[in-house]
Amino acid sequence: MFCLLTVFLIVSLPFQVFAARTGSTASSVKYVSLGDSISYGLSADPIENSYANRFSSYLDSQTADPYSFINTGVPGWRTSDLKAALYSKTSSVSVALKNSRYVTVCIGANNLLGPIIQAVASAYGLNPDEEAFLANLENAIAADPERWQSTMTALYLSAVFPLGSLHLALDQGVAAFKRDWPLIISTLKYRAPQAKILVLTVYDPLPAGNQFAVLLDPLILSINRTIKIPATIYGYKVADTFTLFRSSTVNPVNFNITAGNFDPHPNNDGHEIIYDELVRLIS
């Protein structure tokens, strides 16, 4: 069931630009949102309720200077994608960062979710890159629920056993994050030397105690330690989304298997929690 909810992270969406008052000079205020589908704002309804858009409105309200906001979030992006975009001085990301004053970063979830998506697709002989992938998977599950249960069991065992293919792929996702993060943050500091940088940790959309959460939480926490430990050295602040979501009295994610909702993205409450933390960090 966890695997099914992850497919929403691979939907391709275009590069988005949202601007308030015109202007993007060295003396203006520019905010850039970097990352994946969470950064882009998927599942905020409407998208103006996403943490990036709300944070942008807050920053805009706090200045009389020219202001602009650019959201470069791309659903499906892993750390390798963001690293490549930062390395290229002509990429949309690098161009957007010029003269930026605030930058938020949300990346890393797909380092773990990508291998799970591929494992589910392979089990059903589907292509995860096809637009109809989710519909085809839902049809296959509805046609043979018992096969879905056996598939989940097989994937879980593959993730648990040290030599299982999914276990190895998940370990590689964590290793890639640890390898990419220092390069991402150092290049980001080079591209945006004057910016205040705020980094979100990776969260688990499943509740504590779920068998897949028990399996994935140590991997997520390992990624989050990689984010937190060098924060002081590199001069960025951390919004600990994992802890905020787990301690929240409201449900920050709409995932509900009984109701047929497999969306792992933050709902409006989740985006509000992130927004509140970003404002707290810069206050």
Protein backbone atom coordinates (compact mmCIF):
# COMPACT_ATOMS: atom_id res chain seq x y z
CA MET A 1 0.00 0.00 0.00
CA PHE A 2 2.90 2.34 0.74
CA CYS A 3 4.28 1.68 -2.72
CA LEU A 4 1.06 2.77 -4.39
CA LEU A 5 0.98 6.11 -2.66
CA THR A 6 4.43 7.02 -3.92
CA VAL A 7 3.54 7.15 -7.60
CA PHE A 8 2.31 10.71 -7.26
CA LEU A 9 5.89 11.88 -6.81
CA ILE A 10 6.86 11.02 -10.38
CA VAL A 11 4.32 13.16 -12.18
CA SER A 12 6.13 15.58 -14.47
CA LEU A 13 5.09 19.21 -14.18
CA PRO A 14 6.55 22.30 -15.78
CA PHE A 15 8.87 24.84 -14.22
CA GLN A 16 6.69 27.43 -12.51
CA VAL A 17 7.25 31.13 -11.91
CA PHE A 18 5.13 33.17 -9.53
CA ALA A 19 5.97 36.87 -9.22
CA ALA A 20 4.61 39.73 -7.18
CA ARG A 21 5.95 43.22 -7.72
CA THR A 22 8.38 43.25 -10.62
CA GLY A 23 12.08 43.56 -10.07
CA SER A 24 15.03 41.23 -9.54
CA THR A 25 18.02 43.42 -8.81
CA ALA A 26 20.68 43.05 -6.17
CA SER A 27 18.68 45.36 -3.89
CA SER A 28 15.35 43.58 -4.40
CA VAL A 29 13.93 40.68 -2.41
CA LYS A 30 13.78 37.41 -4.29
CA TYR A 31 12.59 34.08 -2.89
CA VAL A 32 13.37 30.80 -4.68
CA SER A 33 11.83 27.43 -3.82
CA LEU A 34 13.99 24.43 -4.77
CA GLY A 35 13.19 20.74 -4.76
CA ASP A 36 10.63 18.14 -5.74
CA SER A 37 6.83 17.87 -5.84
CA ILE A 38 6.47 18.99 -2.23
CA SER A 39 8.38 22.15 -3.02
CA TYR A 40 6.27 22.59 -6.15
CA GLY A 41 3.14 22.47 -4.00
CA LEU A 42 1.30 19.32 -5.08
CA SER A 43 -1.84 18.54 -3.04
CA ALA A 44 -2.20 22.08 -1.71
CA ASP A 45 -5.74 23.09 -2.64
CA PRO A 46 -5.54 25.60 -4.19
CA ILE A 47 -1.81 25.82 -4.83
CA GLU A 48 -1.76 29.24 -3.14
CA ASN A 49 -2.03 27.25 0.12
CA SER A 50 1.31 25.54 -0.48
CA TYR A 51 4.05 26.37 1.99
CA ALA A 52 6.14 28.05 -0.72
CA ASN A 53 3.33 30.31 -1.89
CA ARG A 54 2.32 31.21 1.65
CA PHE A 55 5.91 31.91 2.63
CA SER A 56 6.26 34.06 -0.46
CA SER A 57 3.19 36.09 0.51
CA TYR A 58 4.63 36.57 3.98
CA LEU A 59 7.99 37.76 2.66
CA ASP A 60 6.24 40.08 0.22
CA SER A 61 4.22 41.62 3.05
CA GLN A 62 7.38 42.32 5.05
CA THR A 63 9.17 44.46 2.48
CA ALA A 64 8.56 47.62 0.52
CA ASP A 65 11.35 46.75 -1.92
CA PRO A 66 10.80 45.12 -5.32
CA TYR A 67 9.85 41.50 -4.74
CA SER A 68 9.80 38.30 -6.81
CA PHE A 69 9.14 34.61 -6.22
CA ILE A 70 10.29 31.70 -8.38
CA ASN A 71 9.27 28.11 -7.70
CA THR A 72 11.61 25.67 -9.45
CA GLY A 73 10.20 22.53 -7.78
CA VAL A 74 10.02 19.53 -10.13
CA PRO A 75 8.01 16.42 -9.15
CA GLY A 76 10.11 13.28 -9.19
CA TRP A 77 13.44 15.02 -8.65
CA ARG A 78 16.11 13.25 -6.62
CA THR A 79 19.24 14.80 -5.16
CA SER A 80 21.14 13.95 -8.34
CA ASP A 81 18.71 16.09 -10.37
CA LEU A 82 19.03 19.11 -8.11
CA LYS A 83 22.80 18.73 -8.00
CA ALA A 84 23.01 18.67 -11.79
CA ALA A 85 20.80 21.76 -12.06
CA LEU A 86 22.97 23.64 -9.58
CA TYR A 87 26.17 22.59 -11.36
CA SER A 88 24.97 24.10 -14.63
CA LYS A 89 25.27 27.88 -14.53
CA THR A 90 22.78 28.17 -17.39
CA SER A 91 20.06 25.97 -15.87
CA SER A 92 16.73 27.48 -14.85
CA VAL A 93 17.60 26.79 -11.22
CA SER A 94 20.96 28.55 -11.33
CA VAL A 95 19.53 31.53 -13.21
CA ALA A 96 16.67 31.82 -10.71
CA LEU A 97 19.08 31.85 -7.76
CA LYS A 98 20.94 34.93 -8.94
CA ASN A 99 20.51 37.75 -6.39
CA SER A 100 18.15 35.64 -4.29
CA ARG A 101 17.61 36.64 -0.68
CA TYR A 102 15.68 33.60 0.56
CA VAL A 103 15.88 29.97 -0.59
CA THR A 104 13.96 26.93 0.66
CA VAL A 105 15.06 23.41 -0.21
CA CYS A 106 12.94 20.25 -0.10
CA ILE A 107 14.69 17.23 -1.64
CA GLY A 108 15.48 13.59 -0.84
CA ALA A 109 12.13 11.79 -0.61
CA ASN A 110 12.46 10.38 -4.12
CA ASN A 111 15.86 8.88 -3.28
CA LEU A 112 13.81 6.32 -1.34
CA LEU A 113 10.49 6.43 -3.17
CA GLY A 114 11.99 6.02 -6.64
CA PRO A 115 13.23 2.46 -6.03
CA ILE A 116 9.87 1.51 -4.49
CA ILE A 117 8.00 2.85 -7.50
CA GLN A 118 10.24 0.88 -9.83
CA ALA A 119 9.79 -2.29 -7.78
CA VAL A 120 5.99 -2.02 -7.93
CA ALA A 121 6.09 -1.30 -11.67
CA SER A 122 8.35 -4.29 -12.31
CA ALA A 123 6.11 -6.60 -10.29
CA TYR A 124 3.18 -5.73 -12.55
CA GLY A 125 5.11 -5.34 -15.79
CA LEU A 126 4.24 -1.64 -16.01
CA ASN A 127 6.19 1.39 -17.14
CA PRO A 128 6.25 4.01 -14.33
CA ASP A 129 7.05 6.73 -16.85
CA GLU A 130 3.75 6.28 -18.70
CA GLU A 131 1.02 8.80 -17.99
CA ALA A 132 -1.48 5.98 -17.40
CA PHE A 133 0.78 4.15 -14.92
CA LEU A 134 -1.35 4.90 -11.86
CA ALA A 135 -4.63 4.02 -13.58
CA ASN A 136 -3.14 0.79 -14.93
CA LEU A 137 -1.86 -0.15 -11.49
CA GLU A 138 -5.19 0.60 -9.81
CA ASN A 139 -7.00 -1.52 -12.41
CA ALA A 140 -4.58 -4.39 -11.85
CA ILE A 141 -5.05 -4.22 -8.08
CA ALA A 142 -8.84 -4.09 -8.36
CA ALA A 143 -8.83 -7.08 -10.72
CA ASP A 144 -6.77 -9.27 -8.36
CA PRO A 145 -6.54 -8.02 -4.74
CA GLU A 146 -4.85 -11.20 -3.59
CA ARG A 147 -2.00 -10.63 -6.02
CA TRP A 148 -1.57 -7.13 -4.59
CA GLN A 149 -1.24 -8.52 -1.08
CA SER A 150 1.29 -11.12 -2.19
CA THR A 151 3.19 -8.46 -4.13
CA MET A 152 3.37 -6.24 -1.05
CA THR A 153 4.62 -9.14 1.02
CA ALA A 154 7.32 -9.95 -1.53
CA LEU A 155 8.43 -6.32 -1.73
CA TYR A 156 8.51 -6.01 2.04
CA LEU A 157 10.69 -9.08 2.34
CA SER A 158 12.92 -7.77 -0.44
CA ALA A 159 13.32 -4.56 1.55
CA VAL A 160 13.97 -6.33 4.86
CA PHE A 161 16.54 -8.92 3.81
CA PRO A 162 20.06 -7.42 3.53
CA LEU A 163 20.63 -8.93 0.10
CA GLY A 164 17.12 -8.16 -1.20
CA SER A 165 17.05 -6.06 -4.35
CA LEU A 166 14.82 -3.40 -2.79
CA HIS A 167 16.94 -3.31 0.36
CA LEU A 168 20.03 -2.65 -1.73
CA ALA A 169 18.25 -0.01 -3.81
CA LEU A 170 17.04 1.83 -0.70
CA ASP A 171 20.54 1.76 0.78
CA GLN A 172 21.84 3.18 -2.48
CA GLY A 173 19.27 5.98 -2.27
CA VAL A 174 20.50 6.94 1.20
CA ALA A 175 24.13 6.71 0.08
CA ALA A 176 23.36 8.94 -2.91
CA PHE A 177 21.82 11.55 -0.62
CA LYS A 178 24.86 11.51 1.67
CA ARG A 179 27.14 11.86 -1.33
CA ASP A 180 25.09 14.58 -3.04
CA TRP A 181 24.08 16.78 -0.12
CA PRO A 182 27.46 18.41 0.61
CA LEU A 183 27.80 19.18 -3.10
CA ILE A 184 24.27 20.56 -3.29
CA ILE A 185 24.57 22.87 -0.33
CA SER A 186 28.08 24.11 -1.18
CA THR A 187 27.06 24.86 -4.77
CA LEU A 188 23.87 26.52 -3.58
CA LYS A 189 25.90 28.75 -1.28
CA TYR A 190 28.06 29.66 -4.26
CA ARG A 191 25.06 30.42 -6.48
CA ALA A 192 23.22 32.39 -3.78
CA PRO A 193 25.87 33.80 -1.41
CA GLN A 194 23.55 36.39 0.16
CA ALA A 195 20.54 34.15 0.64
CA LYS A 196 19.07 32.87 3.86
CA ILE A 197 18.69 29.13 3.23
CA LEU A 198 16.01 27.02 4.90
CA VAL A 199 16.07 23.22 4.41
CA LEU A 200 13.18 20.82 5.03
CA THR A 201 13.86 17.34 6.36
CA VAL A 202 12.25 14.28 4.74
CA TYR A 203 9.05 13.06 6.41
CA ASP A 204 7.26 9.72 6.41
CA PRO A 205 3.64 9.94 5.16
CA LEU A 206 2.79 6.75 7.04
CA PRO A 207 1.88 6.76 10.73
CA ALA A 208 4.38 5.60 13.33
CA GLY A 209 4.13 1.86 13.90
CA ASN A 210 3.08 0.94 10.37
CA GLN A 211 5.24 -1.96 9.19
CA PHE A 212 6.56 0.02 6.25
CA ALA A 213 7.13 3.06 8.47
CA VAL A 214 9.16 0.90 10.84
CA LEU A 215 11.24 -0.17 7.86
CA LEU A 216 11.66 3.27 6.29
CA ASP A 217 12.00 5.52 9.33
CA PRO A 218 15.65 4.58 10.05
CA LEU A 219 16.54 5.36 6.43
CA ILE A 220 14.69 8.68 6.53
CA LEU A 221 16.30 9.62 9.84
CA SER A 222 19.72 8.81 8.39
CA ILE A 223 19.02 11.25 5.54
CA ASN A 224 17.78 13.84 8.02
CA ARG A 225 20.94 13.57 10.11
CA THR A 226 22.90 14.30 6.94
CA ILE A 227 20.85 17.48 6.60
CA LYS A 228 21.04 18.56 10.24
CA ILE A 229 24.67 17.91 11.21
CA PRO A 230 26.41 20.41 8.86
CA ALA A 231 23.72 23.11 9.14
CA THR A 232 25.85 25.37 11.34
CA ILE A 233 28.95 24.88 9.21
CA TYR A 234 27.16 25.83 5.99
CA GLY A 235 24.98 28.48 7.61
CA TYR A 236 21.48 27.20 6.84
CA LYS A 237 18.50 26.50 9.09
CA VAL A 238 16.52 23.26 9.26
CA ALA A 239 12.73 22.89 9.29
CA ASP A 240 12.34 19.43 10.83
CA THR A 241 9.25 18.36 8.91
CA PHE A 242 9.59 14.75 10.07
CA THR A 243 9.26 15.67 13.75
CA LEU A 244 6.65 18.37 13.13
CA PHE A 245 4.38 15.98 11.23
CA ARG A 246 4.78 13.13 13.73
CA SER A 247 3.95 15.41 16.68
CA SER A 248 1.08 17.23 14.96
CA THR A 249 -2.42 17.05 16.48
CA VAL A 250 -3.90 17.29 12.96
CA ASN A 251 -3.32 14.97 10.04
CA PRO A 252 -0.75 16.70 7.78
CA VAL A 253 -1.07 14.10 4.97
CA ASN A 254 -4.29 12.79 3.41
CA PHE A 255 -3.12 9.21 3.00
CA ASN A 256 -6.03 6.93 3.89
CA ILE A 257 -6.15 3.47 2.37
CA THR A 258 -9.76 2.93 3.48
CA ALA A 259 -10.88 6.06 1.68
CA GLY A 260 -8.77 5.20 -1.36
CA ASN A 261 -6.43 8.17 -0.98
CA PHE A 262 -2.80 7.26 -1.75
CA ASP A 263 -1.42 10.80 -1.95
CA PRO A 264 1.77 11.18 0.14
CA HIS A 265 2.02 14.96 -0.25
CA PRO A 266 1.16 17.41 2.54
CA ASN A 267 -2.44 18.56 2.60
CA ASN A 268 -3.31 22.17 3.45
CA ASP A 269 -2.72 21.48 7.15
CA GLY A 270 0.68 19.98 6.36
CA HIS A 271 1.68 22.93 4.20
CA GLU A 272 0.56 25.29 6.97
CA ILE A 273 2.75 23.45 9.50
CA ILE A 274 5.76 23.87 7.20
CA TYR A 275 4.93 27.53 6.53
CA ASP A 276 4.64 28.31 10.24
CA GLU A 277 8.04 26.74 10.88
CA LEU A 278 9.69 28.70 8.06
CA VAL A 279 8.34 31.96 9.46
CA ARG A 280 9.55 30.97 12.94
CA LEU A 281 13.02 30.22 11.63
CA ILE A 282 13.50 33.67 10.09
CA SER A 283 11.82 35.63 12.86
